[in-house]
């Protein structure tokens, strides 16, 4: 069969419409971005020179409300070289999210590789009535970051099959599910490695201002906010899918399985290789995730071959796994609530308490227990040795993340030690105050900035690592908790993910779409996804606005304003 060229944004319309030219510009710009490892290496070198110049000039910074004035330290000095030699390894091994993410990936890997998570998605979609199907798909998709990037591969084709079986347009299920997975990626009642990754970076960034007290950082700091947002996003996603997208779709001409003759190499387009950030899984991507920008994407045929059917054995496995996790959760909660329990905090407090501080190991056991019970029941686990093997495979898949964290930890460590991060935060806060851009207005501009940058840097970990050391302290100086800045980042990190050509899964979605509409082009897909972008961004912001104006906690012990 003749080789064809993958469609690019610039080629989707004769004469090149404005949208096509903009998308082409974004793709070319993203292609020129270096691998995140070299991006942060260059940033470290820039910081080394800048801090040395500032130190030689005798620059100092005073945090408002603090008693002492801080001197900027230069890396390319005797003092700086001694600091680097003494702290290179501690910066890396002491990075907060490193152990947390690896621990979570080991447990989630067992739940994923035994088939528990995929079976749970399949049985949830298959049981939904036809009228409620778009809302069920949207709700499941907005909880999907638990599955990391597997969700983007599995849920859209499953949704298409479920829509087809219910007599609805399968393209609506496919595109609606893809949009909700991407734009609701940081939402949900579920907790995963994404939450651990973000809070680890936030914690390090907040340490730039050690004199600012009352800072609460743990894996659940955004839980109330993301849970609430997921409900609104699911309702909105279901409405947009059924009332806006589906009525405007043509009838499919493909069967959803066969490759279109017009593009025999569609499967290969699923891994487009757009940019150095998308090669070998070196970047943890969106969920710290299993690699998003760097994941090895299976072919569209493999993804589309998933069935919504759930066997009797799988149902039994799901039931046993659910019961085991429910009993375990009940035991933990009971032990937490008992007066005088060692799981209570100082003075018998429920918040803060060792349960919140130790929520990661508690979740680790829950995922491990559920995955093991399911695997034994459906016989995807043949022996006791399979569990540690799966855990090892899950950690092996995070090797790129470990390498990236090494250089990220050095950049953030230098920000903190040199006081350059404090200097930037103080100056940035002063500028925002002078412009009157404090409070929610400042957060809104921050979200819009993240939305734009997310078009080029699709890795949430890389982007947050770049922005957190500056913006977390900046908003702290404006009186806002780090949890608020992290919540605002999650909005921008999710809202524009579905429409950037830098997202390799956009081309997987295109490959799957062409199985139903062989003549579909990238512009076709983007025009349909655009239906979701602005409404989802507005919904995210509306929920944050309600929490902000009502001064509601974003998570246990994590308020809006610093004490």
Protein backbone atom coordinates (compact mmCIF):
# COMPACT_ATOMS: atom_id res chain seq x y z
CA UNK A 1 0.00 0.00 0.00
CA UNK A 2 1.24 3.44 -0.85
CA UNK A 3 2.82 5.48 1.90
CA UNK A 4 0.91 8.66 2.74
CA UNK A 5 1.93 11.76 4.58
CA UNK A 6 0.39 12.50 7.97
CA UNK A 7 -1.95 15.47 7.88
CA UNK A 8 -0.55 18.60 9.45
CA UNK A 9 -2.47 21.65 10.56
CA UNK A 10 -1.19 23.73 7.68
CA UNK A 11 -2.49 21.23 5.16
CA UNK A 12 -6.06 20.86 6.35
CA UNK A 13 -7.56 23.60 4.19
CA UNK A 14 -6.63 25.02 0.80
CA UNK A 15 -5.14 28.47 1.08
CA UNK A 16 -4.43 27.98 4.78
CA UNK A 17 -7.06 29.46 7.07
CA UNK A 18 -5.99 31.53 10.06
CA UNK A 19 -6.59 28.62 12.43
CA UNK A 20 -4.51 26.31 10.27
CA UNK A 21 -1.64 28.79 10.18
CA UNK A 22 -1.78 29.25 13.96
CA UNK A 23 -1.74 25.50 14.54
CA UNK A 24 1.14 25.11 12.12
CA UNK A 25 3.07 27.80 13.98
CA UNK A 26 2.44 26.05 17.30
CA UNK A 27 3.58 22.71 15.90
CA UNK A 28 6.76 24.15 14.41
CA UNK A 29 7.53 26.04 17.61
CA UNK A 30 6.97 22.95 19.71
CA UNK A 31 9.21 20.90 17.43
CA UNK A 32 12.05 23.29 18.17
CA UNK A 33 11.76 22.87 21.93
CA UNK A 34 14.62 20.81 23.33
CA UNK A 35 14.07 17.68 25.40
CA UNK A 36 12.98 18.70 28.94
CA UNK A 37 16.28 17.39 30.33
CA UNK A 38 18.23 19.91 28.24
CA UNK A 39 15.62 22.59 28.84
CA UNK A 40 16.20 22.39 32.59
CA UNK A 41 19.95 22.00 32.13
CA UNK A 42 19.97 25.27 30.19
CA UNK A 43 17.84 26.88 32.89
CA UNK A 44 20.30 25.69 35.54
CA UNK A 45 23.20 27.20 33.59
CA UNK A 46 21.30 30.47 33.16
CA UNK A 47 20.57 30.56 36.90
CA UNK A 48 24.22 29.84 37.68
CA UNK A 49 25.38 32.86 35.70
CA UNK A 50 22.55 35.14 36.82
CA UNK A 51 22.94 34.37 40.53
CA UNK A 52 26.69 34.94 40.29
CA UNK A 53 26.20 38.36 38.67
CA UNK A 54 23.55 39.32 41.25
CA UNK A 55 25.78 38.18 44.11
CA UNK A 56 28.73 40.16 42.74
CA UNK A 57 26.47 43.23 42.60
CA UNK A 58 25.53 42.73 46.25
CA UNK A 59 21.79 42.32 45.53
CA UNK A 60 19.65 41.62 48.58
CA UNK A 61 15.97 40.89 49.09
CA UNK A 62 13.69 41.34 52.06
CA UNK A 63 10.48 39.35 52.33
CA UNK A 64 7.59 41.57 53.48
CA UNK A 65 6.92 40.81 57.13
CA UNK A 66 10.24 39.05 57.69
CA UNK A 67 12.87 40.37 60.10
CA UNK A 68 15.98 39.69 58.07
CA UNK A 69 17.37 40.72 54.70
CA UNK A 70 18.57 37.92 52.43
CA UNK A 71 21.72 38.09 50.32
CA UNK A 72 21.62 36.56 46.84
CA UNK A 73 24.24 33.80 46.60
CA UNK A 74 26.09 33.00 43.38
CA UNK A 75 26.65 29.45 42.19
CA UNK A 76 29.89 30.19 40.29
CA UNK A 77 31.73 31.15 43.48
CA UNK A 78 33.67 29.17 46.04
CA UNK A 79 30.61 29.10 48.28
CA UNK A 80 28.40 27.99 45.41
CA UNK A 81 30.68 25.18 44.27
CA UNK A 82 30.88 23.87 47.84
CA UNK A 83 27.08 23.99 48.09
CA UNK A 84 26.61 22.12 44.83
CA UNK A 85 29.06 19.35 45.73
CA UNK A 86 27.45 18.89 49.12
CA UNK A 87 23.85 19.04 47.92
CA UNK A 88 23.76 17.50 44.43
CA UNK A 89 22.63 14.11 45.77
CA UNK A 90 20.41 15.43 48.62
CA UNK A 91 18.63 17.73 46.16
CA UNK A 92 17.75 14.66 44.10
CA UNK A 93 17.00 12.01 46.73
CA UNK A 94 15.19 14.50 48.97
CA UNK A 95 12.86 15.76 46.24
CA UNK A 96 9.38 15.38 47.82
CA UNK A 97 7.52 13.81 44.91
CA UNK A 98 10.17 11.23 43.97
CA UNK A 99 9.36 8.58 46.56
CA UNK A 100 5.66 9.37 46.53
CA UNK A 101 5.26 9.00 42.77
CA UNK A 102 7.29 5.79 42.60
CA UNK A 103 5.30 4.30 45.49
CA UNK A 104 1.98 5.20 43.88
CA UNK A 105 3.08 3.88 40.47
CA UNK A 106 4.01 0.51 41.98
CA UNK A 107 0.52 0.07 43.44
CA UNK A 108 -1.45 1.61 40.57
CA UNK A 109 0.64 -0.53 38.21
CA UNK A 110 -0.70 -3.68 39.88
CA UNK A 111 -4.29 -2.42 39.58
CA UNK A 112 -3.69 -1.46 35.95
CA UNK A 113 -1.73 -4.47 34.68
CA UNK A 114 -4.01 -7.05 36.28
CA UNK A 115 -6.88 -5.45 34.32
CA UNK A 116 -8.78 -4.04 37.31
CA UNK A 117 -8.93 -0.42 36.14
CA UNK A 118 -9.88 -1.22 32.55
CA UNK A 119 -12.58 -3.68 33.64
CA UNK A 120 -14.02 -1.06 36.00
CA UNK A 121 -14.27 1.40 33.10
CA UNK A 122 -15.83 -1.17 30.78
CA UNK A 123 -18.52 -2.27 33.21
CA UNK A 124 -19.35 1.35 34.08
CA UNK A 125 -19.88 2.36 30.44
CA UNK A 126 -21.70 -0.81 29.42
CA UNK A 127 -24.37 -0.42 32.12
CA UNK A 128 -25.30 3.20 31.31
CA UNK A 129 -28.75 3.77 29.66
CA UNK A 130 -28.57 5.26 26.14
CA UNK A 131 -30.07 8.58 27.28
CA UNK A 132 -27.54 8.97 30.11
CA UNK A 133 -24.62 7.47 28.23
CA UNK A 134 -22.91 10.83 27.35
CA UNK A 135 -23.00 11.87 31.02
CA UNK A 136 -21.70 8.49 32.22
CA UNK A 137 -18.84 8.64 29.73
CA UNK A 138 -18.03 12.22 30.72
CA UNK A 139 -18.06 11.40 34.43
CA UNK A 140 -15.77 8.39 34.00
CA UNK A 141 -13.45 10.39 31.75
CA UNK A 142 -13.19 13.13 34.38
CA UNK A 143 -11.97 10.56 36.92
CA UNK A 144 -9.49 9.07 34.49
CA UNK A 145 -6.18 10.57 35.65
CA UNK A 146 -6.09 7.65 38.09
CA UNK A 147 -5.26 5.46 35.08
CA UNK A 148 -2.62 7.93 33.83
CA UNK A 149 -2.27 7.99 30.04
CA UNK A 150 -3.84 4.58 29.62
CA UNK A 151 -7.16 6.43 30.02
CA UNK A 152 -6.59 8.39 26.80
CA UNK A 153 -5.91 5.17 24.93
CA UNK A 154 -8.73 3.05 26.40
CA UNK A 155 -11.71 5.27 27.24
CA UNK A 156 -12.39 7.04 23.87
CA UNK A 157 -12.62 3.83 21.78
CA UNK A 158 -14.66 2.17 24.54
CA UNK A 159 -17.03 5.14 24.54
CA UNK A 160 -17.38 4.92 20.75
CA UNK A 161 -18.31 1.24 20.99
CA UNK A 162 -20.80 1.95 23.78
CA UNK A 163 -22.47 4.73 21.73
CA UNK A 164 -22.66 2.46 18.69
CA UNK A 165 -24.20 -0.37 20.72
CA UNK A 166 -26.79 2.09 22.11
CA UNK A 167 -27.78 3.23 18.60
CA UNK A 168 -26.02 6.59 18.92
CA UNK A 169 -23.28 8.14 16.81
CA UNK A 170 -19.98 6.49 17.85
CA UNK A 171 -17.99 9.56 16.79
CA UNK A 172 -19.77 11.58 19.49
CA UNK A 173 -18.66 9.06 22.10
CA UNK A 174 -15.12 9.03 20.77
CA UNK A 175 -14.63 12.81 20.61
CA UNK A 176 -16.62 13.55 23.76
CA UNK A 177 -14.63 11.04 25.79
CA UNK A 178 -11.30 12.31 24.43
CA UNK A 179 -12.25 15.91 25.25
CA UNK A 180 -13.37 15.04 28.78
CA UNK A 181 -10.28 12.95 29.53
CA UNK A 182 -8.00 15.80 28.42
CA UNK A 183 -9.89 18.82 29.75
CA UNK A 184 -10.88 17.04 32.97
CA UNK A 185 -7.51 15.38 33.42
CA UNK A 186 -6.70 17.06 36.74
CA UNK A 187 -10.23 16.67 38.17
CA UNK A 188 -11.94 13.81 39.93
CA UNK A 189 -12.71 12.04 43.17
CA UNK A 190 -9.79 9.72 42.48
CA UNK A 191 -6.23 10.17 43.72
CA UNK A 192 -3.25 9.20 41.61
CA UNK A 193 0.40 9.82 40.88
CA UNK A 194 -0.55 13.17 39.29
CA UNK A 195 -1.60 14.52 42.68
CA UNK A 196 1.59 13.25 44.29
CA UNK A 197 3.73 14.79 41.58
CA UNK A 198 2.11 18.21 41.71
CA UNK A 199 2.15 18.52 45.49
CA UNK A 200 5.80 17.48 45.63
CA UNK A 201 6.78 20.30 43.28
CA UNK A 202 4.49 22.70 45.17
CA UNK A 203 6.09 21.79 48.49
CA UNK A 204 9.58 22.49 47.19
CA UNK A 205 8.47 25.77 45.65
CA UNK A 206 6.83 26.90 48.89
CA UNK A 207 10.09 26.21 50.73
CA UNK A 208 11.60 29.18 48.88
CA UNK A 209 9.87 31.32 51.54
CA UNK A 210 10.69 29.47 54.78
CA UNK A 211 9.58 32.40 56.95
CA UNK A 212 5.97 32.27 55.70
CA UNK A 213 4.08 30.03 58.11
CA UNK A 214 0.75 28.22 58.00
CA UNK A 215 1.47 26.44 54.70
CA UNK A 216 -0.35 23.12 54.28
CA UNK A 217 0.94 20.71 51.62
CA UNK A 218 -0.15 17.11 51.23
CA UNK A 219 -1.55 14.97 48.43
CA UNK A 220 -5.16 16.02 49.17
CA UNK A 221 -4.71 19.83 49.19
CA UNK A 222 -6.94 20.20 46.10
CA UNK A 223 -9.27 17.26 46.75
CA UNK A 224 -12.46 19.19 47.60
CA UNK A 225 -11.92 21.45 44.60
CA UNK A 226 -11.14 18.74 42.03
CA UNK A 227 -14.00 16.54 43.27
CA UNK A 228 -16.50 19.38 42.93
CA UNK A 229 -15.12 20.39 39.53
CA UNK A 230 -15.40 16.83 38.21
CA UNK A 231 -19.17 16.81 38.82
CA UNK A 232 -19.73 20.08 36.93
CA UNK A 233 -17.35 19.06 34.15
CA UNK A 234 -19.13 15.72 33.75
CA UNK A 235 -22.54 17.40 33.46
CA UNK A 236 -21.16 19.96 31.04
CA UNK A 237 -19.27 17.34 29.03
CA UNK A 238 -22.36 15.15 28.72
CA UNK A 239 -24.48 18.13 27.64
CA UNK A 240 -21.98 19.31 25.04
CA UNK A 241 -21.58 15.78 23.67
CA UNK A 242 -25.29 15.02 23.33
CA UNK A 243 -26.78 18.45 22.60
CA UNK A 244 -24.04 20.34 20.74
CA UNK A 245 -21.64 17.84 19.16
CA UNK A 246 -23.76 14.80 18.27
CA UNK A 247 -26.58 16.60 16.39
CA UNK A 248 -24.02 18.21 14.08
CA UNK A 249 -22.16 15.01 13.17
CA UNK A 250 -22.62 13.21 9.86
CA UNK A 251 -23.46 9.53 9.81
CA UNK A 252 -20.29 7.40 9.99
CA UNK A 253 -19.26 5.69 6.77
CA UNK A 254 -16.64 3.43 8.36
CA UNK A 255 -17.14 0.43 10.60
CA UNK A 256 -14.84 1.68 13.37
CA UNK A 257 -12.38 -1.19 12.88
CA UNK A 258 -11.06 -1.18 9.32
CA UNK A 259 -8.27 1.18 8.33
CA UNK A 260 -9.44 3.72 5.74
CA UNK A 261 -8.02 3.21 2.27
CA UNK A 262 -7.27 6.91 2.09
CA UNK A 263 -4.70 6.63 4.86
CA UNK A 264 -3.30 3.11 5.20
CA UNK A 265 -0.69 4.28 7.66
CA UNK A 266 -3.14 5.74 10.17
CA UNK A 267 -1.83 3.44 12.87
CA UNK A 268 1.61 4.93 12.59
CA UNK A 269 0.20 8.42 12.97
CA UNK A 270 -0.70 7.61 16.55
CA UNK A 271 2.88 8.26 17.57
CA UNK A 272 3.71 11.35 15.59
CA UNK A 273 7.00 12.24 17.20
CA UNK A 274 6.23 15.94 17.26
CA UNK A 275 9.15 17.34 19.13
CA UNK A 276 11.98 16.04 21.24
CA UNK A 277 9.64 15.76 24.21
CA UNK A 278 7.87 12.83 22.61
CA UNK A 279 10.47 10.19 22.16
CA UNK A 280 11.12 7.50 24.70
CA UNK A 281 9.12 8.24 27.78
CA UNK A 282 11.82 10.45 29.24
CA UNK A 283 9.20 12.86 30.47
CA UNK A 284 6.60 11.79 33.01
CA UNK A 285 3.93 13.55 31.00
CA UNK A 286 0.62 14.44 32.61
CA UNK A 287 0.37 12.03 35.45
CA UNK A 288 3.85 11.83 36.76
CA UNK A 289 2.36 10.22 35.54
CA UNK A 290 2.89 7.44 33.05
CA UNK A 291 4.50 9.27 30.18
CA UNK A 292 2.14 11.47 28.21
CA UNK A 293 4.27 13.45 25.86
CA UNK A 294 6.77 10.65 25.67
CA UNK A 295 4.63 7.56 25.90
CA UNK A 296 4.90 4.76 23.42
CA UNK A 297 1.45 4.96 21.90
CA UNK A 298 -0.06 1.70 20.70
CA UNK A 299 -1.55 1.56 17.24
CA UNK A 300 -5.08 2.64 16.65
CA UNK A 301 -6.08 -0.91 15.71
CA UNK A 302 -4.98 -2.13 19.11
CA UNK A 303 -6.87 0.65 20.87
CA UNK A 304 -9.99 0.24 18.77
CA UNK A 305 -10.03 -3.52 19.33
CA UNK A 306 -11.15 -3.12 22.95
CA UNK A 307 -14.56 -4.60 23.75
CA UNK A 308 -17.10 -3.24 26.23
CA UNK A 309 -18.08 -6.79 27.21
CA UNK A 310 -17.33 -7.87 30.79
CA UNK A 311 -17.11 -11.58 31.49
CA UNK A 312 -18.64 -13.27 34.53
CA UNK A 313 -15.15 -13.87 35.92
CA UNK A 314 -14.24 -10.20 35.53
CA UNK A 315 -17.46 -9.18 37.30
CA UNK A 316 -16.59 -11.54 40.14
CA UNK A 317 -13.08 -10.10 40.29
CA UNK A 318 -14.43 -6.54 40.43
CA UNK A 319 -16.84 -7.49 43.22
CA UNK A 320 -14.15 -9.15 45.32
CA UNK A 321 -11.71 -6.27 44.74
CA UNK A 322 -14.35 -3.69 45.69
CA UNK A 323 -15.26 -5.60 48.87
CA UNK A 324 -11.64 -5.99 49.93
CA UNK A 325 -10.86 -2.29 49.42
CA UNK A 326 -14.13 -1.26 51.13
CA UNK A 327 -13.31 -3.40 54.19
CA UNK A 328 -9.79 -2.00 54.30
CA UNK A 329 -11.09 1.59 53.99
CA UNK A 330 -13.66 1.01 56.71
CA UNK A 331 -10.96 -0.32 59.02
CA UNK A 332 -8.75 2.75 58.43
CA UNK A 333 -11.62 5.22 58.95
CA UNK A 334 -12.78 3.42 62.09
CA UNK A 335 -9.29 3.48 63.55
CA UNK A 336 -9.04 7.16 62.67
CA UNK A 337 -12.32 8.09 64.37
CA UNK A 338 -11.76 6.19 67.64
CA UNK A 339 -11.04 8.69 70.46
CA UNK A 340 -7.43 8.48 71.58
CA UNK A 341 -6.38 6.70 68.37
CA UNK A 342 -2.73 7.10 67.35
CA UNK A 343 -4.08 8.05 63.90
CA UNK A 344 -5.48 11.29 65.32
CA UNK A 345 -3.52 14.51 65.40
CA UNK A 346 -2.38 16.64 68.30
CA UNK A 347 -5.13 17.04 70.90
CA UNK A 348 -7.22 14.36 69.16
CA UNK A 349 -7.67 16.45 66.01
CA UNK A 350 -8.87 14.77 62.83
CA UNK A 351 -7.26 17.49 60.67
CA UNK A 352 -4.30 17.61 60.59
CA UNK A 353 -3.55 14.03 61.57
CA UNK A 354 -1.26 11.09 60.69
CA UNK A 355 -3.99 9.82 58.34
CA UNK A 356 -3.62 12.87 56.09
CA UNK A 357 0.15 12.86 56.43
CA UNK A 358 0.19 9.15 55.58
CA UNK A 359 -2.48 9.12 52.90
CA UNK A 360 0.03 7.94 50.27
CA UNK A 361 0.92 4.67 52.06
CA UNK A 362 -2.79 4.17 52.82
CA UNK A 363 -3.63 4.53 49.12
CA UNK A 364 -0.67 2.33 48.22
CA UNK A 365 -2.14 -0.54 50.22
CA UNK A 366 -5.64 0.06 48.78
CA UNK A 367 -4.50 -0.13 45.14
CA UNK A 368 -2.20 -3.04 45.82
CA UNK A 369 -4.93 -4.95 47.65
CA UNK A 370 -7.59 -4.33 45.01
CA UNK A 371 -5.28 -5.17 42.12
CA UNK A 372 -4.02 -8.35 43.77
CA UNK A 373 -7.51 -9.60 44.66
CA UNK A 374 -8.76 -8.92 41.13
CA UNK A 375 -5.69 -10.50 39.54
CA UNK A 376 -6.03 -13.68 41.60
CA UNK A 377 -9.76 -13.91 40.84
CA UNK A 378 -9.48 -13.50 37.06
CA UNK A 379 -6.13 -15.35 36.96
CA UNK A 380 -4.05 -12.54 35.51
CA UNK A 381 -1.86 -13.21 38.54
CA UNK A 382 -0.59 -16.78 38.30
CA UNK A 383 1.75 -16.78 41.29
CA UNK A 384 2.83 -14.63 44.22
CA UNK A 385 5.96 -13.68 42.25
CA UNK A 386 3.84 -11.85 39.67
CA UNK A 387 3.04 -9.00 42.07
CA UNK A 388 6.63 -7.82 42.66
CA UNK A 389 7.35 -8.36 38.96
CA UNK A 390 4.50 -6.03 37.99
CA UNK A 391 5.61 -3.49 40.57
CA UNK A 392 9.14 -3.60 39.15
CA UNK A 393 7.83 -3.16 35.60
CA UNK A 394 5.81 -0.13 36.71
CA UNK A 395 8.89 1.48 38.25
CA UNK A 396 10.97 0.65 35.18
CA UNK A 397 8.48 2.62 33.11
CA UNK A 398 9.24 5.65 35.30
CA UNK A 399 12.97 5.67 34.56
CA UNK A 400 12.58 8.72 32.32
CA UNK A 401 10.79 10.53 35.11
CA UNK A 402 13.62 9.74 37.54
CA UNK A 403 16.20 11.16 35.13
CA UNK A 404 14.14 14.32 34.61
CA UNK A 405 13.61 14.79 38.36
CA UNK A 406 17.38 14.75 38.85
CA UNK A 407 17.87 17.95 36.83
CA UNK A 408 14.60 19.54 38.00
CA UNK A 409 15.64 19.06 41.63
CA UNK A 410 18.93 20.86 40.98
CA UNK A 411 17.13 23.85 39.42
CA UNK A 412 14.65 24.17 42.29
CA UNK A 413 17.43 23.60 44.83
CA UNK A 414 19.44 26.44 43.30
CA UNK A 415 16.37 28.69 43.27
CA UNK A 416 15.97 28.05 46.99
CA UNK A 417 19.63 28.24 48.13
CA UNK A 418 20.60 31.30 46.07
CA UNK A 419 17.49 33.26 47.15
CA UNK A 420 16.87 33.99 43.44
CA UNK A 421 13.42 32.45 43.77
CA UNK A 422 12.66 34.73 46.71
CA UNK A 423 13.89 37.75 44.73
CA UNK A 424 11.69 36.88 41.74
CA UNK A 425 8.70 36.26 43.99
CA UNK A 426 9.07 39.57 45.83
CA UNK A 427 9.53 41.55 42.61
CA UNK A 428 6.69 39.70 40.91
CA UNK A 429 4.35 40.28 43.82
CA UNK A 430 5.27 43.98 43.82
CA UNK A 431 4.48 44.25 40.10
CA UNK A 432 1.13 42.53 40.49
CA UNK A 433 0.23 44.76 43.41
CA UNK A 434 1.25 47.88 41.50
CA UNK A 435 -0.93 46.81 38.58
CA UNK A 436 -3.81 45.94 40.91
CA UNK A 437 -3.69 42.29 39.79
CA UNK A 438 -4.00 40.65 43.18
CA UNK A 439 -6.44 38.06 44.42
CA UNK A 440 -8.64 36.27 41.91
CA UNK A 441 -7.69 38.59 39.05
CA UNK A 442 -4.06 37.57 39.43
CA UNK A 443 -5.06 33.90 39.50
CA UNK A 444 -7.12 34.36 36.33
CA UNK A 445 -4.15 35.82 34.44
CA UNK A 446 -1.98 32.99 35.74
CA UNK A 447 -4.47 30.42 34.40
CA UNK A 448 -4.49 32.07 30.98
CA UNK A 449 -0.68 32.07 30.92
CA UNK A 450 -0.63 28.35 31.73
CA UNK A 451 -3.22 27.71 28.97
CA UNK A 452 -0.93 29.34 26.40
CA UNK A 453 2.27 27.64 27.59
CA UNK A 454 0.48 24.29 27.70
CA UNK A 455 0.09 24.48 23.92
CA UNK A 456 3.86 24.14 23.64
CA UNK A 457 4.89 22.23 26.78
CA UNK A 458 2.33 19.45 27.16
CA UNK A 459 4.14 17.76 30.04
CA UNK A 460 2.41 18.91 33.21
CA UNK A 461 5.40 17.97 35.35
CA UNK A 462 7.84 19.98 33.24
CA UNK A 463 5.57 23.02 33.02
CA UNK A 464 4.73 23.06 36.74
CA UNK A 465 8.40 22.61 37.60
CA UNK A 466 9.17 25.70 35.52
CA UNK A 467 6.37 27.85 36.93
CA UNK A 468 5.99 26.73 40.55
CA UNK A 469 9.31 28.12 41.92
CA UNK A 470 8.25 31.62 40.79
CA UNK A 471 4.46 31.71 41.07
CA UNK A 472 3.91 29.72 44.28
CA UNK A 473 6.07 32.14 46.34
CA UNK A 474 4.66 35.13 44.42
CA UNK A 475 1.09 34.32 45.37
CA UNK A 476 2.19 33.42 48.90
CA UNK A 477 3.47 36.97 49.24
CA UNK A 478 0.04 38.13 48.06
CA UNK A 479 -1.49 36.12 50.91
CA UNK A 480 -2.62 33.02 49.00
CA UNK A 481 -1.99 29.40 49.99
CA UNK A 482 0.21 27.27 47.67
CA UNK A 483 -2.85 25.02 47.26
CA UNK A 484 -4.63 27.85 45.41
CA UNK A 485 -1.79 28.35 42.94
CA UNK A 486 -1.61 24.60 42.34
CA UNK A 487 -5.38 24.49 41.73
CA UNK A 488 -5.12 27.36 39.25
CA UNK A 489 -2.30 25.57 37.44
CA UNK A 490 -4.39 22.41 37.12
CA UNK A 491 -7.00 24.42 35.20
CA UNK A 492 -4.61 25.71 32.54
CA UNK A 493 -2.81 22.37 32.40
CA UNK A 494 -6.06 20.63 31.44
CA UNK A 495 -8.11 23.11 29.41
CA UNK A 496 -6.00 23.40 26.24
CA UNK A 497 -4.52 19.90 26.26
CA UNK A 498 -6.99 18.55 23.73
CA UNK A 499 -6.28 21.08 20.95
CA UNK A 500 -2.49 21.31 20.85
CA UNK A 501 -0.65 19.45 18.08
CA UNK A 502 2.06 18.80 20.70
CA UNK A 503 -0.24 16.22 22.30
CA UNK A 504 0.60 12.93 20.55
CA UNK A 505 -2.75 11.44 21.57
CA UNK A 506 -4.49 14.01 19.39
CA UNK A 507 -3.23 11.99 16.42
CA UNK A 508 -4.37 8.75 18.02
CA UNK A 509 -7.83 10.30 18.27
CA UNK A 510 -7.57 11.31 14.60
CA UNK A 511 -6.59 7.76 13.65
CA UNK A 512 -9.59 6.39 15.52
CA UNK A 513 -11.89 9.02 14.00
CA UNK A 514 -10.82 8.01 10.48
CA UNK A 515 -12.09 4.50 11.14
CA UNK A 516 -15.59 5.98 11.29
CA UNK A 517 -15.02 8.93 8.92
CA UNK A 518 -12.22 7.98 6.48
CA UNK A 519 -12.02 11.48 4.99
CA UNK A 520 -11.65 13.28 8.34
CA UNK A 521 -8.68 15.63 8.66
CA UNK A 522 -6.97 17.16 11.69
CA UNK A 523 -8.97 20.35 11.19
CA UNK A 524 -12.16 18.27 11.35
CA UNK A 525 -11.16 16.88 14.73
CA UNK A 526 -9.96 20.21 16.11
CA UNK A 527 -13.15 22.02 15.09
CA UNK A 528 -15.20 19.48 17.03
CA UNK A 529 -12.92 19.55 20.06
CA UNK A 530 -13.11 23.35 20.09
CA UNK A 531 -16.73 22.94 21.23
CA UNK A 532 -15.40 21.81 24.61
CA UNK A 533 -12.36 24.04 25.19
CA UNK A 534 -13.87 27.38 26.28
CA UNK A 535 -16.85 25.90 28.22
CA UNK A 536 -14.53 23.59 30.15
CA UNK A 537 -12.15 26.45 30.93
CA UNK A 538 -15.08 28.58 32.11
CA UNK A 539 -16.43 25.74 34.27
CA UNK A 540 -13.03 25.15 35.90
CA UNK A 541 -12.73 28.88 36.65
CA UNK A 542 -16.30 29.13 37.93
CA UNK A 543 -15.69 26.43 40.52
CA UNK A 544 -12.42 28.05 41.59
CA UNK A 545 -14.22 31.40 41.81
CA UNK A 546 -16.88 29.93 44.11
CA UNK A 547 -14.25 28.41 46.40
CA UNK A 548 -12.30 31.68 46.41
CA UNK A 549 -15.22 34.04 47.06
CA UNK A 550 -16.73 31.77 49.71
CA UNK A 551 -13.30 31.15 51.24
CA UNK A 552 -13.89 27.39 51.17
CA UNK A 553 -11.03 24.94 51.82
CA UNK A 554 -9.64 23.42 48.63
CA UNK A 555 -8.73 20.28 50.54
CA UNK A 556 -8.40 19.04 54.12
CA UNK A 557 -6.60 21.77 56.05
CA UNK A 558 -5.83 23.73 52.85
CA UNK A 559 -7.61 27.08 52.76
CA UNK A 560 -7.51 29.96 50.33
CA UNK A 561 -5.65 32.60 52.30
CA UNK A 562 -2.54 32.24 54.43
CA UNK A 563 -3.03 32.88 58.16
